[in-house]
Amino acid sequence: MSRHAERYPTTSAGNRHIEFLERAKSLGLPLNGSLAFLNHWSYFTDNPSRDFGQLTSTGPYAGTLNAFTTGVRFRTRYHDLLPSDTKVRLWASDSQRVIDTARHFASGLFGLDWESSGRAELDIIPETFERGADTLTPGDTCHKYLEDITHGHDYGAKMLAYFQDTYIPVIAQRFLEQNPALGELSNMEVYGMQEMCGFEIMVRGSSPWCDLFTKEDWKNFEYARDVIHYYRAGPGNVYAGTMGWLWLNATTTLLRAGPEAGPLFLSL
């Protein structure tokens, strides 16, 4: 996380979920109905602050497996593009999950000895605020994007909250009718349950959280995810074009440089 990002904290799905689980446990009562599985459910990590947001390494959908097999697929499909006598550069932002992804991808693409053999070089670009436009993560370094409280970084969360009000209260009421002792369920707690479905699938291959919601609930969640990304960094954000220009400019510069710039460039 960049230093500047600390000024704009976000609550992860893991933290929201832990807060809900602790609150439910403090009641000292068994949960009923669709939430009854929680009476015997165990959290899939004992250190969420360390594990959430990192590359997963267990289950059939492990991030480590996906990154490695993607590298293998690239090698089998595009081996003619891989130079045999020139070192290839890979760029990665200074985030541990991105670095880990790059290393597993490179192992699949170039072989397990890619670093010692000199086949490729990993160039890690810092995410520090002082980098300005010289970064792979302009969302952490663009002054106006971060400081504009109306249409900047937080615009996505604001618009998400509006949409959550249209579909989550009905779901919360459904759970509360089965478990009135909970008192209330916030939009973010229920939204965190929906997010947990995907997180647990990534780690364990399946998740009972998924069964809590109807097909219509999942359609709304899908749209909710579209909303936050559309207004946070997509066409709905006035700064998206400026930040996206960095990749366009870098790509254009490489293409204009021609073969002298190098044979292959990979940015993760």
Protein backbone atom coordinates (compact mmCIF):
# COMPACT_ATOMS: atom_id res chain seq x y z
CA MET A 1 0.00 0.00 0.00
CA SER A 2 1.29 3.45 -0.81
CA ARG A 3 1.74 6.03 1.90
CA HIS A 4 -0.98 8.16 0.34
CA ALA A 5 -3.45 5.27 0.26
CA GLU A 6 -3.51 5.31 4.05
CA ARG A 7 -5.45 8.56 3.85
CA TYR A 8 -8.22 6.75 2.00
CA PRO A 9 -8.76 3.54 4.01
CA THR A 10 -11.03 0.83 2.73
CA THR A 11 -12.53 -2.01 4.74
CA SER A 12 -11.71 -5.36 3.22
CA ALA A 13 -14.21 -8.17 2.86
CA GLY A 14 -12.18 -10.10 5.42
CA ASN A 15 -12.46 -7.37 8.06
CA ARG A 16 -16.18 -6.90 7.47
CA HIS A 17 -16.68 -10.61 7.78
CA ILE A 18 -14.61 -10.98 10.94
CA GLU A 19 -16.58 -8.17 12.60
CA PHE A 20 -19.87 -9.89 11.74
CA LEU A 21 -18.65 -13.32 12.89
CA GLU A 22 -17.39 -11.92 16.18
CA ARG A 23 -20.68 -10.14 16.76
CA ALA A 24 -22.67 -13.29 16.02
CA LYS A 25 -20.43 -15.38 18.29
CA SER A 26 -20.74 -12.90 21.14
CA LEU A 27 -24.50 -13.59 21.28
CA GLY A 28 -23.78 -17.06 22.65
CA LEU A 29 -26.69 -18.46 20.66
CA PRO A 30 -26.72 -20.87 17.72
CA LEU A 31 -27.64 -19.38 14.37
CA ASN A 32 -30.68 -20.71 12.57
CA GLY A 33 -31.93 -21.23 9.05
CA SER A 34 -29.58 -20.47 6.18
CA LEU A 35 -26.93 -19.14 8.58
CA ALA A 36 -26.89 -22.33 10.68
CA PHE A 37 -23.77 -23.60 8.90
CA LEU A 38 -21.80 -20.97 10.80
CA ASN A 39 -22.25 -22.96 13.99
CA HIS A 40 -19.63 -25.38 12.66
CA TRP A 41 -17.87 -23.34 9.98
CA SER A 42 -14.19 -22.49 10.40
CA TYR A 43 -12.53 -19.45 8.91
CA PHE A 44 -10.07 -20.34 6.16
CA THR A 45 -7.27 -18.16 7.50
CA ASP A 46 -6.18 -17.26 11.01
CA ASN A 47 -4.45 -14.11 9.81
CA PRO A 48 -6.71 -12.16 7.42
CA SER A 49 -4.58 -9.01 7.53
CA ARG A 50 -1.71 -11.08 6.14
CA ASP A 51 -3.58 -13.38 3.77
CA PHE A 52 -6.33 -11.26 2.26
CA GLY A 53 -5.34 -9.57 -0.96
CA GLN A 54 -2.45 -12.00 -1.47
CA LEU A 55 -1.98 -14.73 -4.04
CA THR A 56 -3.83 -17.89 -3.01
CA SER A 57 -1.90 -21.16 -2.98
CA THR A 58 -4.54 -23.82 -2.15
CA GLY A 59 -7.62 -25.18 -3.86
CA PRO A 60 -8.33 -25.91 -7.54
CA TYR A 61 -8.46 -22.19 -8.38
CA ALA A 62 -5.26 -21.18 -6.59
CA GLY A 63 -3.69 -17.99 -7.87
CA THR A 64 -0.26 -19.61 -7.93
CA LEU A 65 -1.57 -22.40 -10.16
CA ASN A 66 -3.37 -20.00 -12.47
CA ALA A 67 -0.33 -17.78 -12.89
CA PHE A 68 1.98 -20.71 -13.61
CA THR A 69 -0.39 -22.42 -16.08
CA THR A 70 -0.96 -19.10 -17.86
CA GLY A 71 2.79 -18.88 -18.39
CA VAL A 72 2.79 -22.43 -19.78
CA ARG A 73 -0.07 -21.59 -22.15
CA PHE A 74 1.80 -18.53 -23.39
CA ARG A 75 4.85 -20.66 -24.04
CA THR A 76 2.94 -23.31 -25.99
CA ARG A 77 0.99 -20.76 -28.04
CA TYR A 78 3.55 -18.05 -28.64
CA HIS A 79 6.90 -19.83 -28.39
CA ASP A 80 7.91 -18.41 -31.78
CA LEU A 81 7.84 -14.93 -30.24
CA LEU A 82 10.16 -15.83 -27.38
CA PRO A 83 13.76 -14.83 -28.10
CA SER A 84 16.35 -17.47 -27.38
CA ASP A 85 19.30 -15.13 -26.94
CA THR A 86 17.78 -11.96 -25.46
CA LYS A 87 16.64 -11.28 -21.93
CA VAL A 88 12.94 -10.45 -21.60
CA ARG A 89 11.76 -7.85 -19.10
CA LEU A 90 8.71 -8.29 -16.90
CA TRP A 91 7.26 -5.31 -15.06
CA ALA A 92 5.34 -5.67 -11.82
CA SER A 93 4.02 -3.12 -9.36
CA ASP A 94 5.47 -3.23 -5.85
CA SER A 95 2.66 -5.32 -4.38
CA GLN A 96 3.50 -8.75 -2.99
CA ARG A 97 0.63 -10.52 -4.75
CA VAL A 98 1.64 -8.95 -8.07
CA ILE A 99 5.29 -9.86 -7.58
CA ASP A 100 4.33 -13.44 -6.67
CA THR A 101 2.08 -13.62 -9.72
CA ALA A 102 4.89 -12.42 -11.97
CA ARG A 103 7.34 -14.98 -10.58
CA HIS A 104 4.93 -17.90 -11.03
CA PHE A 105 4.01 -16.70 -14.52
CA ALA A 106 7.67 -16.40 -15.48
CA SER A 107 8.36 -19.92 -14.17
CA GLY A 108 5.65 -21.29 -16.44
CA LEU A 109 6.74 -19.25 -19.43
CA PHE A 110 10.54 -19.48 -19.25
CA GLY A 111 11.14 -22.44 -16.94
CA LEU A 112 11.84 -22.73 -13.23
CA ASP A 113 15.38 -21.45 -13.68
CA TRP A 114 14.34 -18.26 -15.49
CA GLU A 115 16.22 -15.97 -13.10
CA SER A 116 19.50 -17.88 -12.88
CA SER A 117 19.51 -18.66 -16.60
CA GLY A 118 19.12 -15.01 -17.52
CA ARG A 119 16.07 -15.67 -19.71
CA ALA A 120 14.07 -12.90 -18.06
CA GLU A 121 14.37 -10.05 -15.59
CA LEU A 122 11.68 -8.84 -13.18
CA ASP A 123 11.54 -5.07 -12.83
CA ILE A 124 9.52 -4.02 -9.76
CA ILE A 125 8.06 -0.51 -9.97
CA PRO A 126 7.42 1.18 -6.58
CA GLU A 127 3.90 2.31 -5.70
CA THR A 128 5.09 5.28 -3.64
CA PHE A 129 3.20 8.54 -3.97
CA GLU A 130 6.32 10.40 -5.09
CA ARG A 131 6.44 8.37 -8.35
CA GLY A 132 3.66 10.48 -9.84
CA ALA A 133 3.00 9.32 -13.42
CA ASP A 134 6.11 7.11 -13.45
CA THR A 135 4.26 4.08 -12.12
CA LEU A 136 2.10 1.08 -12.97
CA THR A 137 -0.44 2.09 -10.31
CA PRO A 138 -1.62 5.66 -11.00
CA GLY A 139 -4.59 5.07 -8.71
CA ASP A 140 -2.13 5.41 -5.82
CA THR A 141 -0.20 8.41 -7.13
CA CYS A 142 -2.60 10.75 -8.96
CA HIS A 143 -3.08 13.78 -6.68
CA LYS A 144 -6.43 14.96 -8.01
CA TYR A 145 -7.90 11.48 -8.21
CA LEU A 146 -7.09 10.82 -4.56
CA GLU A 147 -7.98 14.25 -3.20
CA ASP A 148 -11.25 14.84 -5.07
CA ILE A 149 -13.78 13.59 -2.51
CA THR A 150 -16.69 14.06 -4.93
CA HIS A 151 -15.56 12.41 -8.17
CA GLY A 152 -12.19 10.84 -7.30
CA HIS A 153 -11.24 7.47 -5.86
CA ASP A 154 -14.16 7.34 -3.41
CA TYR A 155 -16.78 8.02 -6.09
CA GLY A 156 -17.09 4.30 -6.77
CA ALA A 157 -17.80 3.46 -3.13
CA LYS A 158 -20.36 6.26 -2.96
CA MET A 159 -22.28 5.00 -5.99
CA LEU A 160 -22.00 1.41 -4.73
CA ALA A 161 -23.67 2.43 -1.46
CA TYR A 162 -26.60 3.92 -3.39
CA PHE A 163 -27.15 0.68 -5.29
CA GLN A 164 -26.72 -1.51 -2.21
CA ASP A 165 -29.71 0.27 -0.70
CA THR A 166 -31.88 -1.05 -3.53
CA TYR A 167 -31.31 -4.77 -2.99
CA ILE A 168 -29.51 -5.63 0.27
CA PRO A 169 -32.13 -4.65 2.90
CA VAL A 170 -34.47 -7.37 1.63
CA ILE A 171 -31.69 -9.97 2.00
CA ALA A 172 -30.81 -8.72 5.47
CA GLN A 173 -34.44 -8.98 6.53
CA ARG A 174 -34.53 -12.57 5.29
CA PHE A 175 -31.60 -13.48 7.54
CA LEU A 176 -32.97 -11.52 10.52
CA GLU A 177 -36.33 -13.28 10.38
CA GLN A 178 -34.42 -16.51 11.00
CA ASN A 179 -32.04 -14.92 13.53
CA PRO A 180 -33.72 -11.96 15.29
CA ALA A 181 -31.03 -11.96 18.00
CA LEU A 182 -28.62 -10.42 15.49
CA GLY A 183 -30.60 -7.20 15.83
CA GLU A 184 -29.54 -5.78 12.49
CA LEU A 185 -27.35 -6.43 9.49
CA SER A 186 -25.67 -3.58 7.67
CA ASN A 187 -25.44 -3.39 3.90
CA MET A 188 -21.69 -3.89 4.12
CA GLU A 189 -22.04 -6.99 6.30
CA VAL A 190 -24.34 -8.66 3.79
CA TYR A 191 -22.20 -7.48 0.88
CA GLY A 192 -19.20 -8.96 2.70
CA MET A 193 -21.01 -12.30 2.86
CA GLN A 194 -21.43 -12.22 -0.91
CA GLU A 195 -17.77 -11.36 -1.38
CA MET A 196 -16.79 -14.19 0.96
CA CYS A 197 -18.39 -16.70 -1.43
CA GLY A 198 -15.75 -15.92 -4.03
CA PHE A 199 -12.88 -15.64 -1.57
CA GLU A 200 -13.57 -19.03 -0.04
CA ILE A 201 -14.04 -20.70 -3.43
CA MET A 202 -10.57 -19.46 -4.38
CA VAL A 203 -9.05 -21.03 -1.26
CA ARG A 204 -11.16 -24.15 -0.73
CA GLY A 205 -12.86 -24.81 -4.05
CA SER A 206 -16.39 -24.32 -2.75
CA SER A 207 -18.22 -22.20 -0.19
CA PRO A 208 -21.47 -22.48 1.81
CA TRP A 209 -21.74 -18.67 1.68
CA CYS A 210 -22.76 -18.96 -1.96
CA ASP A 211 -25.92 -20.87 -1.04
CA LEU A 212 -27.25 -17.97 1.07
CA PHE A 213 -28.26 -16.00 -1.97
CA THR A 214 -30.75 -16.36 -4.79
CA LYS A 215 -30.02 -16.01 -8.47
CA GLU A 216 -31.50 -12.52 -8.36
CA ASP A 217 -29.24 -11.63 -5.40
CA TRP A 218 -26.21 -12.65 -7.46
CA LYS A 219 -27.36 -10.63 -10.45
CA ASN A 220 -27.56 -7.59 -8.20
CA PHE A 221 -24.13 -8.34 -6.73
CA GLU A 222 -22.67 -8.64 -10.21
CA TYR A 223 -24.10 -5.25 -11.11
CA ALA A 224 -22.89 -3.79 -7.80
CA ARG A 225 -19.34 -4.83 -8.70
CA ASP A 226 -19.77 -3.19 -12.09
CA VAL A 227 -20.98 0.00 -10.42
CA ILE A 228 -18.00 0.39 -8.08
CA HIS A 229 -15.45 -0.23 -10.83
CA TYR A 230 -17.28 1.93 -13.39
CA TYR A 231 -17.26 4.94 -11.09
CA ARG A 232 -13.96 4.27 -9.33
CA ALA A 233 -11.68 3.75 -12.31
CA GLY A 234 -13.84 3.22 -15.39
CA PRO A 235 -15.69 5.50 -17.83
CA GLY A 236 -17.79 6.91 -14.99
CA ASN A 237 -14.74 8.53 -13.39
CA VAL A 238 -13.42 11.79 -14.86
CA TYR A 239 -9.81 10.84 -14.07
CA ALA A 240 -9.88 7.39 -15.69
CA GLY A 241 -8.77 8.59 -19.12
CA THR A 242 -5.82 10.51 -17.70
CA MET A 243 -4.60 7.55 -15.67
CA GLY A 244 -5.14 5.13 -18.55
CA TRP A 245 -3.11 7.38 -20.82
CA LEU A 246 0.05 6.24 -19.01
CA TRP A 247 -0.27 2.70 -20.44
CA LEU A 248 -1.23 4.03 -23.86
CA ASN A 249 1.77 6.35 -23.90
CA ALA A 250 4.20 3.64 -22.74
CA THR A 251 2.91 1.19 -25.35
CA THR A 252 3.10 3.79 -28.11
CA THR A 253 6.67 4.65 -27.15
CA LEU A 254 7.73 0.99 -27.38
CA LEU A 255 6.04 0.50 -30.74
CA ARG A 256 7.69 3.61 -32.17
CA ALA A 257 11.08 2.50 -30.90
CA GLY A 258 10.77 -0.72 -32.90
CA PRO A 259 13.06 -3.75 -32.47
CA GLU A 260 15.69 -1.71 -30.68
CA ALA A 261 13.41 -1.41 -27.65
CA GLY A 262 13.46 -5.18 -27.15
CA PRO A 263 11.69 -8.30 -28.41
CA LEU A 264 8.99 -8.75 -25.77
CA PHE A 265 7.56 -6.81 -22.84
CA LEU A 266 5.26 -8.15 -20.13
CA SER A 267 3.49 -5.99 -17.58
CA LEU A 268 1.63 -7.59 -14.67
